[in-house]
Protein backbone atom coordinates (compact mmCIF):
# COMPACT_ATOMS: atom_id res chain seq x y z
CA UNK A 1 0.00 0.00 0.00
CA UNK A 2 2.71 2.42 0.88
CA UNK A 3 4.32 4.72 -1.58
CA UNK A 4 7.94 4.64 -2.62
CA UNK A 5 10.21 6.99 -0.67
CA UNK A 6 10.52 10.58 -1.88
CA UNK A 7 13.17 10.95 -4.54
CA UNK A 8 12.68 7.44 -5.94
CA UNK A 9 13.09 7.28 -9.72
CA UNK A 10 9.77 7.72 -11.54
CA UNK A 11 10.33 4.47 -13.45
CA UNK A 12 10.02 2.54 -10.17
CA UNK A 13 6.41 3.60 -9.52
CA UNK A 14 4.80 1.46 -12.24
CA UNK A 15 7.24 -1.37 -11.53
CA UNK A 16 6.32 -1.32 -7.83
CA UNK A 17 2.63 -1.39 -8.75
CA UNK A 18 3.17 -4.36 -11.09
CA UNK A 19 5.17 -6.16 -8.43
CA UNK A 20 2.48 -5.63 -5.81
CA UNK A 21 -0.23 -6.82 -8.20
CA UNK A 22 1.77 -9.93 -9.13
CA UNK A 23 2.49 -10.72 -5.49
CA UNK A 24 -1.21 -10.36 -4.62
CA UNK A 25 -2.31 -12.64 -7.48
CA UNK A 26 0.22 -15.32 -6.55
CA UNK A 27 -0.75 -15.19 -2.87
CA UNK A 28 -4.47 -15.29 -3.68
CA UNK A 29 -4.12 -18.26 -6.06
CA UNK A 30 -2.02 -20.14 -3.55
CA UNK A 31 -4.57 -19.50 -0.83
CA UNK A 32 -7.42 -20.62 -3.10
CA UNK A 33 -5.66 -23.94 -3.61
CA UNK A 34 -5.85 -24.69 0.11
CA UNK A 35 -9.24 -23.13 0.95
CA UNK A 36 -12.28 -21.86 -0.90
CA UNK A 37 -12.48 -18.07 -0.98
CA UNK A 38 -15.78 -16.21 -0.76
CA UNK A 39 -15.03 -13.20 -3.00
CA UNK A 40 -17.91 -11.13 -1.58
CA UNK A 41 -16.82 -11.73 2.00
CA UNK A 42 -13.21 -10.92 1.09
CA UNK A 43 -14.29 -7.63 -0.55
CA UNK A 44 -16.31 -6.63 2.51
CA UNK A 45 -13.44 -7.47 4.85
CA UNK A 46 -10.96 -5.59 2.65
CA UNK A 47 -13.18 -2.49 2.71
CA UNK A 48 -13.38 -2.60 6.51
CA UNK A 49 -9.62 -3.18 6.86
CA UNK A 50 -8.80 -0.31 4.48
CA UNK A 51 -11.18 2.01 6.32
CA UNK A 52 -9.60 1.06 9.62
CA UNK A 53 -6.12 1.69 8.23
CA UNK A 54 -7.20 5.18 7.12
CA UNK A 55 -7.64 6.04 10.79
CA UNK A 56 -3.95 5.31 11.34
CA UNK A 57 -3.14 8.19 8.93
CA UNK A 58 0.05 6.61 7.59
CA UNK A 59 1.88 8.99 5.23
CA UNK A 60 1.63 7.92 1.60
CA UNK A 61 -1.23 5.44 2.07
CA UNK A 62 -4.29 7.69 2.16
CA UNK A 63 -4.93 7.92 -1.59
CA UNK A 64 -4.47 4.17 -2.17
CA UNK A 65 -6.75 3.31 0.73
CA UNK A 66 -9.43 5.74 -0.43
CA UNK A 67 -9.36 4.16 -3.89
CA UNK A 68 -9.84 0.71 -2.33
CA UNK A 69 -12.75 1.87 -0.16
CA UNK A 70 -14.42 3.67 -3.08
CA UNK A 71 -13.96 0.72 -5.45
CA UNK A 72 -15.44 -1.74 -2.96
CA UNK A 73 -18.31 0.51 -1.82
CA UNK A 74 -20.11 0.53 -5.16
C-alpha atoms as a PDB file:
ATOM      1  CA  UNK A   1       0.000   0.000   0.000  1.00  0.00           C
ATOM      2  CA  UNK A   2       2.710   2.424   0.879  1.00  0.00           C
ATOM      3  CA  UNK A   3       4.325   4.722  -1.583  1.00  0.00           C
ATOM      4  CA  UNK A   4       7.943   4.637  -2.621  1.00  0.00           C
ATOM      5  CA  UNK A   5      10.213   6.986  -0.670  1.00  0.00           C
ATOM      6  CA  UNK A   6      10.515  10.576  -1.885  1.00  0.00           C
ATOM      7  CA  UNK A   7      13.171  10.946  -4.544  1.00  0.00           C
ATOM      8  CA  UNK A   8      12.678   7.444  -5.945  1.00  0.00           C
ATOM      9  CA  UNK A   9      13.089   7.283  -9.718  1.00  0.00           C
ATOM     10  CA  UNK A  10       9.773   7.723 -11.540  1.00  0.00           C
ATOM     11  CA  UNK A  11      10.329   4.471 -13.446  1.00  0.00           C
ATOM     12  CA  UNK A  12      10.021   2.538 -10.168  1.00  0.00           C
ATOM     13  CA  UNK A  13       6.413   3.597  -9.516  1.00  0.00           C
ATOM     14  CA  UNK A  14       4.801   1.456 -12.237  1.00  0.00           C
ATOM     15  CA  UNK A  15       7.243  -1.367 -11.525  1.00  0.00           C
ATOM     16  CA  UNK A  16       6.320  -1.318  -7.829  1.00  0.00           C
ATOM     17  CA  UNK A  17       2.625  -1.389  -8.752  1.00  0.00           C
ATOM     18  CA  UNK A  18       3.175  -4.357 -11.093  1.00  0.00           C
ATOM     19  CA  UNK A  19       5.168  -6.157  -8.431  1.00  0.00           C
ATOM     20  CA  UNK A  20       2.478  -5.627  -5.810  1.00  0.00           C
ATOM     21  CA  UNK A  21      -0.228  -6.819  -8.202  1.00  0.00           C
ATOM     22  CA  UNK A  22       1.773  -9.925  -9.129  1.00  0.00           C
ATOM     23  CA  UNK A  23       2.486 -10.717  -5.485  1.00  0.00           C
ATOM     24  CA  UNK A  24      -1.214 -10.360  -4.615  1.00  0.00           C
ATOM     25  CA  UNK A  25      -2.309 -12.643  -7.479  1.00  0.00           C
ATOM     26  CA  UNK A  26       0.222 -15.323  -6.554  1.00  0.00           C
ATOM     27  CA  UNK A  27      -0.750 -15.189  -2.873  1.00  0.00           C
ATOM     28  CA  UNK A  28      -4.474 -15.294  -3.680  1.00  0.00           C
ATOM     29  CA  UNK A  29      -4.116 -18.258  -6.060  1.00  0.00           C
ATOM     30  CA  UNK A  30      -2.022 -20.142  -3.552  1.00  0.00           C
ATOM     31  CA  UNK A  31      -4.569 -19.503  -0.827  1.00  0.00           C
ATOM     32  CA  UNK A  32      -7.417 -20.623  -3.097  1.00  0.00           C
ATOM     33  CA  UNK A  33      -5.664 -23.939  -3.614  1.00  0.00           C
ATOM     34  CA  UNK A  34      -5.850 -24.686   0.108  1.00  0.00           C
ATOM     35  CA  UNK A  35      -9.241 -23.127   0.952  1.00  0.00           C
ATOM     36  CA  UNK A  36     -12.280 -21.859  -0.901  1.00  0.00           C
ATOM     37  CA  UNK A  37     -12.480 -18.067  -0.980  1.00  0.00           C
ATOM     38  CA  UNK A  38     -15.784 -16.206  -0.757  1.00  0.00           C
ATOM     39  CA  UNK A  39     -15.031 -13.202  -2.999  1.00  0.00           C
ATOM     40  CA  UNK A  40     -17.906 -11.127  -1.578  1.00  0.00           C
ATOM     41  CA  UNK A  41     -16.817 -11.729   2.004  1.00  0.00           C
ATOM     42  CA  UNK A  42     -13.208 -10.919   1.087  1.00  0.00           C
ATOM     43  CA  UNK A  43     -14.287  -7.632  -0.551  1.00  0.00           C
ATOM     44  CA  UNK A  44     -16.314  -6.628   2.514  1.00  0.00           C
ATOM     45  CA  UNK A  45     -13.443  -7.474   4.853  1.00  0.00           C
ATOM     46  CA  UNK A  46     -10.961  -5.586   2.653  1.00  0.00           C
ATOM     47  CA  UNK A  47     -13.176  -2.487   2.706  1.00  0.00           C
ATOM     48  CA  UNK A  48     -13.380  -2.596   6.514  1.00  0.00           C
ATOM     49  CA  UNK A  49      -9.621  -3.183   6.862  1.00  0.00           C
ATOM     50  CA  UNK A  50      -8.801  -0.310   4.482  1.00  0.00           C
ATOM     51  CA  UNK A  51     -11.184   2.012   6.317  1.00  0.00           C
ATOM     52  CA  UNK A  52      -9.599   1.058   9.622  1.00  0.00           C
ATOM     53  CA  UNK A  53      -6.121   1.693   8.226  1.00  0.00           C
ATOM     54  CA  UNK A  54      -7.200   5.185   7.115  1.00  0.00           C
ATOM     55  CA  UNK A  55      -7.645   6.041  10.789  1.00  0.00           C
ATOM     56  CA  UNK A  56      -3.949   5.308  11.339  1.00  0.00           C
ATOM     57  CA  UNK A  57      -3.140   8.192   8.928  1.00  0.00           C
ATOM     58  CA  UNK A  58       0.046   6.612   7.588  1.00  0.00           C
ATOM     59  CA  UNK A  59       1.884   8.989   5.228  1.00  0.00           C
ATOM     60  CA  UNK A  60       1.630   7.918   1.598  1.00  0.00           C
ATOM     61  CA  UNK A  61      -1.228   5.436   2.074  1.00  0.00           C
ATOM     62  CA  UNK A  62      -4.292   7.694   2.159  1.00  0.00           C
ATOM     63  CA  UNK A  63      -4.931   7.916  -1.594  1.00  0.00           C
ATOM     64  CA  UNK A  64      -4.472   4.169  -2.167  1.00  0.00           C
ATOM     65  CA  UNK A  65      -6.749   3.312   0.732  1.00  0.00           C
ATOM     66  CA  UNK A  66      -9.434   5.738  -0.425  1.00  0.00           C
ATOM     67  CA  UNK A  67      -9.365   4.158  -3.888  1.00  0.00           C
ATOM     68  CA  UNK A  68      -9.844   0.712  -2.333  1.00  0.00           C
ATOM     69  CA  UNK A  69     -12.745   1.875  -0.164  1.00  0.00           C
ATOM     70  CA  UNK A  70     -14.423   3.666  -3.076  1.00  0.00           C
ATOM     71  CA  UNK A  71     -13.963   0.715  -5.451  1.00  0.00           C
ATOM     72  CA  UNK A  72     -15.442  -1.737  -2.958  1.00  0.00           C
ATOM     73  CA  UNK A  73     -18.305   0.515  -1.820  1.00  0.00           C
ATOM     74  CA  UNK A  74     -20.108   0.525  -5.156  1.00  0.00           C
END
